[in-house]
Amino acid sequence: MLSPDELLVLEKLGSVFFSVKKCALIIGVKESSLRELVDNENTQEYLHYTRGSLQSEFKLREQIVELALRGSTNAQADALAMIRKMKSDE
């Protein structure tokens, strides 16, 4: 189990899409131990790692939609792909 400070570091590392292996190396814990914690939806490690990555993903998606609405054809293609993915997940 990570300390509160380590959980904040894990969330920041997740927000820049570091792998669990790299997170473990930076935090200084065994990869297998961190992997077990991050894979368990009932742990703070899962919550912090996932929250970090989802918050950054939200910011990126927000920018893609904004660019798509301004006429960027690349962003429009990305936005349409996100819409298709969302509909297929429903």
Protein backbone atom coordinates (compact mmCIF):
# COMPACT_ATOMS: atom_id res chain seq x y z
CA MET A 1 0.00 0.00 0.00
CA LEU A 2 1.32 3.41 -0.97
CA SER A 3 1.56 6.39 1.36
CA PRO A 4 -0.63 9.46 0.70
CA ASP A 5 2.36 11.25 -0.87
CA GLU A 6 3.14 8.27 -3.09
CA LEU A 7 -0.50 8.13 -4.18
CA LEU A 8 -0.27 11.75 -5.34
CA VAL A 9 2.89 10.93 -7.28
CA LEU A 10 1.14 7.90 -8.82
CA GLU A 11 -1.76 10.11 -9.91
CA LYS A 12 0.62 12.61 -11.53
CA LEU A 13 2.48 9.81 -13.29
CA GLY A 14 -0.81 8.37 -14.51
CA SER A 15 -1.77 11.80 -15.83
CA VAL A 16 1.19 11.72 -18.22
CA PHE A 17 0.42 8.13 -19.19
CA PHE A 18 3.42 6.42 -17.61
CA SER A 19 3.17 2.64 -17.51
CA VAL A 20 2.79 0.88 -14.18
CA LYS A 21 6.33 -0.45 -14.66
CA LYS A 22 7.75 3.08 -14.94
CA CYS A 23 5.60 4.31 -12.04
CA ALA A 24 6.99 1.53 -9.84
CA LEU A 25 10.54 2.45 -10.80
CA ILE A 26 10.02 6.14 -10.03
CA ILE A 27 8.16 5.54 -6.75
CA GLY A 28 10.64 2.86 -5.70
CA VAL A 29 8.37 -0.15 -5.27
CA LYS A 30 8.25 -3.58 -6.86
CA GLU A 31 6.43 -3.59 -10.18
CA SER A 32 4.49 -6.75 -9.33
CA SER A 33 3.23 -5.22 -6.07
CA LEU A 34 2.13 -1.99 -7.72
CA ARG A 35 0.57 -3.88 -10.64
CA GLU A 36 -1.52 -5.94 -8.22
CA LEU A 37 -2.74 -2.78 -6.47
CA VAL A 38 -3.45 -0.83 -9.66
CA ASP A 39 -5.35 -3.76 -11.18
CA ASN A 40 -7.67 -3.99 -8.17
CA GLU A 41 -10.59 -1.56 -8.57
CA ASN A 42 -11.08 -1.49 -4.80
CA THR A 43 -7.72 0.15 -3.99
CA GLN A 44 -6.61 3.75 -3.67
CA GLU A 45 -3.79 2.93 -6.10
CA TYR A 46 -6.31 2.03 -8.81
CA LEU A 47 -8.32 5.16 -8.07
CA HIS A 48 -5.34 7.53 -8.20
CA TYR A 49 -3.65 5.99 -11.26
CA THR A 50 -6.90 5.84 -13.20
CA ARG A 51 -8.03 9.31 -12.11
CA GLY A 52 -4.77 10.81 -13.31
CA SER A 53 -4.96 9.23 -16.74
CA LEU A 54 -8.67 9.98 -17.20
CA GLN A 55 -8.26 13.64 -16.24
CA SER A 56 -5.56 14.07 -18.89
CA GLU A 57 -7.56 12.10 -21.43
CA PHE A 58 -10.50 14.45 -20.76
CA LYS A 59 -8.32 17.51 -21.40
CA LEU A 60 -7.02 16.03 -24.65
CA ARG A 61 -10.51 15.07 -25.84
CA GLU A 62 -11.77 18.53 -24.97
CA GLN A 63 -9.04 20.08 -27.13
CA ILE A 64 -9.77 17.69 -30.00
CA VAL A 65 -13.46 18.64 -29.98
CA GLU A 66 -12.58 22.34 -29.83
CA LEU A 67 -10.22 22.01 -32.81
CA ALA A 68 -12.78 19.91 -34.71
CA LEU A 69 -15.41 22.62 -34.24
CA ARG A 70 -12.92 25.15 -35.61
CA GLY A 71 -12.53 23.09 -38.79
CA SER A 72 -9.43 20.96 -38.25
CA THR A 73 -9.96 17.91 -40.46
CA ASN A 74 -7.59 15.79 -38.39
CA ALA A 75 -9.40 16.72 -35.21
CA GLN A 76 -12.76 16.09 -36.89
CA ALA A 77 -11.64 12.57 -37.80
CA ASP A 78 -10.47 12.00 -34.22
CA ALA A 79 -13.73 13.38 -32.82
CA LEU A 80 -15.80 11.13 -35.07
CA ALA A 81 -13.72 8.14 -33.97
CA MET A 82 -14.37 9.07 -30.32
CA ILE A 83 -18.11 9.32 -31.05
CA ARG A 84 -18.14 5.89 -32.71
CA LYS A 85 -16.22 4.40 -29.78
CA MET A 86 -18.62 5.96 -27.28
CA LYS A 87 -21.65 4.59 -29.15
CA SER A 88 -20.14 1.12 -29.40
CA ASP A 89 -19.47 1.10 -25.64
CA GLU A 90 -23.11 1.87 -24.79
